[in-house]
Amino acid sequence: MDMDRRELLRIIAVTLTTSSGLAREHHQGSPAVAEVNIASYQPRALSPAQYKTLDALSEILIPAGEDGPGAHDAGVAYYLDTVLYYGDQSNRELWRNNLEAVASGADLVAVIDRLARNEKSPQTAEEKFFVTFKNAAIDAFYLSQAGRESANYRGDTALISFPGCTHPEHQSPPDGSA
């Protein structure tokens, strides 16, 4: 399934839309880009129940807090559903099946805890899916305006110097051995 230009612009607009109006500033003089109302979005790749599960799992993984919005407010589930819609059918089925399997557990926090235990060396299909889901959700979050703001991303900037990590535990020993 090919993505049309308007759909691509809608996806980009959602990731750029902010109260500061970056999307509007960027597209002045261009055809209008309709903003997507994530609250009323009807999923296209997933069933409504699967989409709700994806949204809940994403929010558990990246919760809203004092430091800013979480996955739900950033539109992570919308982004992932859209990517799945335009992606490979077998990948869509993989996500659908795994979301169904995960949703069968009533306590999604416990499900995330269980699946994350073997994140470094996943063995089961669900554990492997968790790694895929986690990476995709984090990518989706940081592609959103909320994610970029939480990371204090200021755009492409040339750096005069790069001091490296300043955490003491990441510093090389004085003798140079690492």
Foldseek 3Di string as FASTA:
>chain_A
DDDDPLNVLQLLCLQQDDPVCPSVVVQVVHPDRDHDDLVPDAFDLEHPQLLVLLLVLQCLLFPADPLGHGLNVQSLSVNVSVCNNPDDPVVSVLSRVLSVVCVVDPDNNVSLVVLVVCQVPDDDSNNVVSVVSSVSSLVSSCSHPRNCVSVVPDPDDDDPDDPPDPPPVPDAPPVRDD
